[in-house]
Amino acid sequence: MKRKKASGWIQQLIFVGPSTFFFILIMIIPFLLGLYYSFTNWNGVSEQVEWVGFDNFITIFTNDPKFRDAFWFTTRFTVLGVIFTNLLGFSLAYLLTKPLKTRNVLRTIFFMPNVIGGLLLGFIWQFIFVKGFAAIGNMTDIPFFTLPWLGTKGTAFWAIVIVFVWQTAGYLMVIYISSLNNVPKDILEAAEIDGASRGQVLRSIILPLVMPAVTVCLFLAISWSFKMFDLNLSLTKGGPFGSTESVAMNIYNEAFTNNRLGLGTAKAVIFFLVVAIITSLQVRFTKSKEVEA
């Protein structure tokens, strides 16, 4: 009996031990250090670390309008990004589960933007917005292409939303395709025999059965949009005049540009708590809507 227990512990140590060690080293320890530094005024360089308690958090809530503006921008961006990304991803998945001859090619094409890195993608779209759209606008005089896409507060916001949806919808499409393929065909055939329309089948049968995929896709889209940084940096750098600065960029600038790492980590802690609460509520709500076939 003792030998079996010892053998079990050795197996766990061999197979789970290395991953647990690196998880603690890479995730847990930096997280705890971040919590500690959020209560200090450390600049990230000096050896002296002064404990200031809750002063950083008080400063954030009472005397930091840029952080509030960044949070408001990120909230609006997240709402629109999550809605449009999931709608487009599900629509593409619904279309590409039909018996189309080119559906495999189209799946690859729609997924490809997700493979491109965010910084590179942002610079590509920066060229498109500034040079490509301007050239098309000069030739066609279509107002959509003549807009200053990265030059004003409103158009820059929508430019980031467009690029984000274009990049991430393909990934969600793959998840939705997998879920749609698992919908029992006999249920769909029975609904068609009973005279249900396509809209009724989609609303009353398909959507309830793919709710597990909706849970995952909403969670991914919320976390991606809240943490969006690379597109923000490469497209607008938070401009014009800080109107498109996301929370992630605000934290980065505070910690590494202004050299106030203590205040930056305090913002990161607040940001982590907000995202954790929102995603937890989202998962609990969508889980309650799931049904079994």
Protein backbone atom coordinates (compact mmCIF):
# COMPACT_ATOMS: atom_id res chain seq x y z
CA MET A 1 0.00 0.00 0.00
CA LYS A 2 2.80 2.40 0.93
CA ARG A 3 4.64 1.51 -2.26
CA LYS A 4 1.54 2.36 -4.36
CA LYS A 5 1.20 5.73 -2.62
CA ALA A 6 4.89 6.45 -3.08
CA SER A 7 4.64 5.46 -6.75
CA GLY A 8 1.64 7.76 -7.20
CA TRP A 9 3.47 10.70 -5.63
CA ILE A 10 6.52 10.07 -7.81
CA GLN A 11 4.38 9.98 -10.96
CA GLN A 12 2.67 13.23 -10.01
CA LEU A 13 6.02 14.83 -9.25
CA ILE A 14 7.47 13.77 -12.60
CA PHE A 15 4.50 14.64 -14.81
CA VAL A 16 2.89 17.57 -12.97
CA GLY A 17 5.85 18.92 -11.01
CA PRO A 18 7.71 20.74 -13.84
CA SER A 19 4.58 22.47 -15.15
CA THR A 20 3.55 23.45 -11.63
CA PHE A 21 7.03 24.81 -10.92
CA PHE A 22 7.10 26.97 -14.05
CA PHE A 23 3.51 28.13 -13.49
CA ILE A 24 4.44 29.33 -10.02
CA LEU A 25 7.68 30.88 -11.31
CA ILE A 26 6.17 32.66 -14.31
CA MET A 27 2.61 33.44 -13.12
CA ILE A 28 2.16 33.31 -9.35
CA ILE A 29 5.39 34.99 -8.20
CA PRO A 30 5.13 37.95 -10.65
CA PHE A 31 1.47 38.38 -9.67
CA LEU A 32 2.35 38.52 -5.96
CA LEU A 33 5.22 40.91 -6.68
CA GLY A 34 2.81 43.11 -8.62
CA LEU A 35 0.45 43.19 -5.65
CA TYR A 36 3.35 44.20 -3.41
CA TYR A 37 4.63 46.95 -5.74
CA SER A 38 1.11 48.38 -6.11
CA PHE A 39 1.45 49.58 -2.50
CA THR A 40 4.80 51.30 -3.14
CA ASN A 41 6.09 54.27 -5.12
CA TRP A 42 8.90 52.29 -6.79
CA ASN A 43 10.10 53.73 -10.10
CA GLY A 44 11.22 50.36 -11.45
CA VAL A 45 14.94 51.19 -11.33
CA SER A 46 16.14 52.29 -7.90
CA GLU A 47 16.90 49.87 -5.08
CA GLN A 48 14.84 51.90 -2.63
CA VAL A 49 11.20 50.88 -2.45
CA GLU A 50 9.01 53.08 -0.26
CA TRP A 51 5.76 51.63 1.13
CA VAL A 52 2.88 54.07 0.59
CA GLY A 53 -0.11 51.86 1.44
CA PHE A 54 -3.30 52.74 -0.43
CA ASP A 55 -2.03 56.12 -1.70
CA ASN A 56 -1.69 54.84 -5.27
CA PHE A 57 -5.29 53.61 -5.32
CA ILE A 58 -6.56 56.86 -3.80
CA THR A 59 -4.67 58.80 -6.48
CA ILE A 60 -6.18 56.67 -9.24
CA PHE A 61 -9.76 57.18 -8.08
CA THR A 62 -9.48 60.86 -7.15
CA ASN A 63 -6.80 62.48 -9.29
CA ASP A 64 -6.27 60.54 -12.52
CA PRO A 65 -8.68 61.64 -15.27
CA LYS A 66 -6.55 59.98 -17.97
CA PHE A 67 -7.12 56.56 -16.42
CA ARG A 68 -10.87 57.18 -16.24
CA ASP A 69 -10.88 58.28 -19.90
CA ALA A 70 -8.88 55.19 -20.87
CA PHE A 71 -11.30 52.97 -18.95
CA TRP A 72 -14.29 54.58 -20.65
CA PHE A 73 -12.66 54.11 -24.07
CA THR A 74 -11.83 50.47 -23.27
CA THR A 75 -15.38 49.80 -22.05
CA ARG A 76 -16.96 51.19 -25.22
CA PHE A 77 -14.45 49.34 -27.37
CA THR A 78 -15.06 46.08 -25.50
CA VAL A 79 -18.85 46.26 -25.85
CA LEU A 80 -18.71 46.88 -29.60
CA GLY A 81 -15.79 44.54 -30.19
CA VAL A 82 -17.44 41.63 -28.37
CA ILE A 83 -20.78 42.11 -30.14
CA PHE A 84 -19.42 42.54 -33.67
CA THR A 85 -16.74 39.86 -33.35
CA ASN A 86 -19.20 37.23 -32.16
CA LEU A 87 -21.87 38.21 -34.69
CA LEU A 88 -19.40 38.07 -37.56
CA GLY A 89 -17.73 34.90 -36.30
CA PHE A 90 -21.05 33.08 -35.88
CA SER A 91 -22.37 34.33 -39.24
CA LEU A 92 -19.26 33.09 -41.04
CA ALA A 93 -19.47 29.76 -39.20
CA TYR A 94 -23.16 29.36 -40.03
CA LEU A 95 -22.46 30.11 -43.69
CA LEU A 96 -19.40 27.87 -43.94
CA THR A 97 -21.14 24.83 -42.44
CA LYS A 98 -23.36 24.79 -45.51
CA PRO A 99 -22.37 22.47 -48.40
CA LEU A 100 -20.28 25.03 -50.30
CA LYS A 101 -17.52 23.85 -52.64
CA THR A 102 -15.12 26.56 -51.49
CA ARG A 103 -15.88 26.43 -47.78
CA ASN A 104 -12.47 25.00 -46.78
CA VAL A 105 -10.68 27.73 -48.75
CA LEU A 106 -12.92 30.39 -47.24
CA ARG A 107 -12.33 29.06 -43.73
CA THR A 108 -8.59 29.39 -44.28
CA ILE A 109 -8.93 32.92 -45.69
CA PHE A 110 -11.09 34.15 -42.81
CA PHE A 111 -8.80 32.57 -40.20
CA MET A 112 -5.56 33.96 -41.66
CA PRO A 113 -5.76 37.46 -40.04
CA ASN A 114 -5.55 35.80 -36.63
CA VAL A 115 -2.16 34.35 -37.55
CA ILE A 116 -0.65 37.79 -38.21
CA GLY A 117 0.84 39.48 -35.15
CA GLY A 118 -1.05 42.44 -33.73
CA LEU A 119 1.77 44.96 -34.22
CA LEU A 120 2.38 43.96 -37.82
CA LEU A 121 -1.36 43.91 -38.50
CA GLY A 122 -1.72 47.38 -37.01
CA PHE A 123 1.01 48.83 -39.22
CA ILE A 124 -0.53 47.18 -42.30
CA TRP A 125 -3.93 48.69 -41.52
CA GLN A 126 -2.34 52.04 -40.71
CA PHE A 127 -1.06 52.10 -44.28
CA ILE A 128 -4.49 51.05 -45.57
CA PHE A 129 -6.32 53.76 -43.62
CA VAL A 130 -3.85 56.52 -44.48
CA LYS A 131 -2.75 55.67 -48.02
CA GLY A 132 -5.08 52.99 -49.38
CA PHE A 133 -8.41 54.52 -48.41
CA ALA A 134 -7.21 57.98 -49.49
CA ALA A 135 -6.30 56.68 -52.95
CA ILE A 136 -9.65 54.93 -53.34
CA GLY A 137 -11.44 58.05 -52.09
CA ASN A 138 -9.67 60.25 -54.64
CA MET A 139 -10.69 57.92 -57.46
CA THR A 140 -14.28 57.28 -56.42
CA ASP A 141 -15.24 60.27 -54.19
CA ILE A 142 -17.01 57.84 -51.85
CA PRO A 143 -17.27 59.60 -48.44
CA PHE A 144 -16.41 56.43 -46.53
CA PHE A 145 -12.89 56.36 -48.00
CA THR A 146 -12.25 60.09 -47.65
CA LEU A 147 -12.71 60.13 -43.88
CA PRO A 148 -9.64 60.95 -41.73
CA TRP A 149 -9.69 57.48 -40.22
CA LEU A 150 -6.81 57.96 -37.79
CA GLY A 151 -7.09 61.72 -37.49
CA THR A 152 -10.16 62.31 -35.34
CA LYS A 153 -11.46 60.89 -32.08
CA GLY A 154 -14.54 59.21 -33.56
CA THR A 155 -13.00 57.74 -36.71
CA ALA A 156 -9.88 56.49 -34.87
CA PHE A 157 -12.11 54.64 -32.42
CA TRP A 158 -14.00 52.91 -35.21
CA ALA A 159 -10.76 52.15 -37.05
CA ILE A 160 -9.50 50.16 -34.05
CA VAL A 161 -12.86 48.36 -33.77
CA ILE A 162 -12.78 47.42 -37.46
CA VAL A 163 -9.26 46.01 -37.30
CA PHE A 164 -9.96 44.14 -34.05
CA VAL A 165 -13.09 42.49 -35.46
CA TRP A 166 -11.32 41.66 -38.72
CA GLN A 167 -8.46 40.00 -36.84
CA THR A 168 -10.37 37.99 -34.22
CA ALA A 169 -13.61 36.96 -35.93
CA GLY A 170 -11.88 34.11 -37.78
CA TYR A 171 -10.71 32.48 -34.56
CA LEU A 172 -14.22 32.55 -33.10
CA MET A 173 -15.53 31.27 -36.41
CA VAL A 174 -13.51 28.04 -35.96
CA ILE A 175 -15.00 27.50 -32.49
CA TYR A 176 -18.52 28.11 -33.75
CA ILE A 177 -17.98 25.77 -36.72
CA SER A 178 -16.93 23.00 -34.37
CA SER A 179 -20.02 23.55 -32.23
CA LEU A 180 -22.40 23.79 -35.21
CA ASN A 181 -21.05 20.52 -36.62
CA ASN A 182 -21.95 18.82 -33.33
CA VAL A 183 -25.62 19.84 -33.49
CA PRO A 184 -27.57 16.57 -33.99
CA LYS A 185 -28.77 16.34 -37.57
CA ASP A 186 -31.88 14.34 -36.63
CA ILE A 187 -33.17 17.26 -34.53
CA LEU A 188 -32.74 19.64 -37.46
CA GLU A 189 -34.44 17.23 -39.84
CA ALA A 190 -37.35 16.74 -37.43
CA ALA A 191 -37.78 20.52 -37.17
CA GLU A 192 -37.82 20.88 -40.95
CA ILE A 193 -40.41 18.07 -41.27
CA ASP A 194 -42.58 19.87 -38.71
CA GLY A 195 -42.46 22.98 -40.89
CA ALA A 196 -40.12 25.16 -38.86
CA SER A 197 -38.55 28.01 -40.81
CA ARG A 198 -34.78 28.60 -40.94
CA GLY A 199 -35.14 31.48 -38.52
CA GLN A 200 -37.10 29.37 -36.07
CA VAL A 201 -34.56 26.54 -36.31
CA LEU A 202 -31.70 28.97 -35.73
CA ARG A 203 -33.37 30.74 -32.82
CA SER A 204 -35.00 27.80 -31.03
CA ILE A 205 -32.68 24.86 -31.77
CA ILE A 206 -29.23 25.86 -33.01
CA LEU A 207 -28.52 28.80 -30.68
CA PRO A 208 -29.45 26.95 -27.46
CA LEU A 209 -27.33 23.96 -28.50
CA VAL A 210 -24.25 26.06 -29.31
CA MET A 211 -24.37 28.02 -26.04
CA PRO A 212 -21.21 26.27 -24.74
CA ALA A 213 -19.37 27.76 -27.72
CA VAL A 214 -20.99 31.13 -27.04
CA THR A 215 -19.69 30.96 -23.47
CA VAL A 216 -16.15 30.34 -24.67
CA CYS A 217 -16.28 32.91 -27.47
CA LEU A 218 -17.71 35.65 -25.26
CA PHE A 219 -15.04 34.95 -22.65
CA LEU A 220 -12.26 35.12 -25.25
CA ALA A 221 -13.63 38.26 -26.91
CA ILE A 222 -14.05 40.08 -23.59
CA SER A 223 -10.53 39.22 -22.44
CA TRP A 224 -9.00 40.10 -25.83
CA SER A 225 -10.74 43.44 -26.13
CA PHE A 226 -10.08 44.50 -22.54
CA LYS A 227 -6.39 43.62 -22.86
CA MET A 228 -5.99 45.12 -26.35
CA PHE A 229 -2.60 46.82 -26.58
CA ASP A 230 -0.67 45.96 -29.76
CA LEU A 231 -3.33 47.25 -32.18
CA ASN A 232 -3.72 50.39 -30.08
CA LEU A 233 0.04 51.00 -30.14
CA SER A 234 0.59 50.38 -33.84
CA LEU A 235 -2.54 52.10 -35.17
CA THR A 236 -2.96 55.27 -33.11
CA LYS A 237 -0.51 55.16 -30.16
CA GLY A 238 -3.45 56.38 -28.10
CA GLY A 239 -4.04 59.45 -30.26
CA PRO A 240 -5.27 61.82 -31.33
CA PHE A 241 -4.57 63.63 -28.03
CA GLY A 242 -5.02 60.48 -25.92
CA SER A 243 -8.61 59.92 -27.07
CA THR A 244 -7.97 56.27 -28.04
CA GLU A 245 -5.67 55.25 -25.20
CA SER A 246 -6.70 51.87 -23.83
CA VAL A 247 -6.28 50.83 -20.21
CA ALA A 248 -3.42 48.50 -21.13
CA MET A 249 -1.59 51.35 -22.86
CA ASN A 250 -2.29 53.71 -19.98
CA ILE A 251 -0.77 51.18 -17.57
CA TYR A 252 2.24 50.71 -19.85
CA ASN A 253 2.84 54.45 -20.16
CA GLU A 254 2.47 54.97 -16.42
CA ALA A 255 4.90 52.20 -15.52
CA PHE A 256 7.54 52.39 -18.26
CA THR A 257 7.26 55.89 -19.75
CA ASN A 258 6.56 57.90 -16.60
CA ASN A 259 8.69 55.50 -14.50
CA ARG A 260 5.99 55.16 -11.85
CA LEU A 261 5.85 51.40 -11.66
CA GLY A 262 4.10 51.39 -8.29
CA LEU A 263 1.21 53.46 -9.64
CA GLY A 264 1.17 51.41 -12.85
CA THR A 265 0.89 48.11 -11.00
CA ALA A 266 -1.88 49.57 -8.84
CA LYS A 267 -3.80 50.33 -12.04
CA ALA A 268 -3.06 46.82 -13.26
CA VAL A 269 -4.48 45.33 -10.05
CA ILE A 270 -7.69 47.35 -10.44
CA PHE A 271 -7.87 46.36 -14.10
CA PHE A 272 -7.39 42.68 -13.21
CA LEU A 273 -10.18 42.77 -10.64
CA VAL A 274 -12.61 44.44 -13.05
CA VAL A 275 -11.90 41.99 -15.87
CA ALA A 276 -12.08 39.01 -13.49
CA ILE A 277 -15.47 40.10 -12.14
CA ILE A 278 -16.93 40.79 -15.59
CA THR A 279 -15.73 37.52 -17.12
CA SER A 280 -16.90 35.53 -14.09
CA LEU A 281 -20.39 37.03 -14.34
CA GLN A 282 -20.44 36.43 -18.09
CA VAL A 283 -19.44 32.77 -17.74
CA ARG A 284 -21.99 32.19 -14.98
CA PHE A 285 -24.79 33.82 -17.00
CA THR A 286 -24.09 32.02 -20.27
CA LYS A 287 -23.53 28.70 -18.48
CA SER A 288 -27.06 28.99 -17.07
CA LYS A 289 -28.40 29.23 -20.64
CA GLU A 290 -26.72 26.06 -21.87
CA VAL A 291 -28.85 23.05 -22.71
CA GLU A 292 -28.07 19.44 -23.61
CA ALA A 293 -29.14 17.81 -26.82
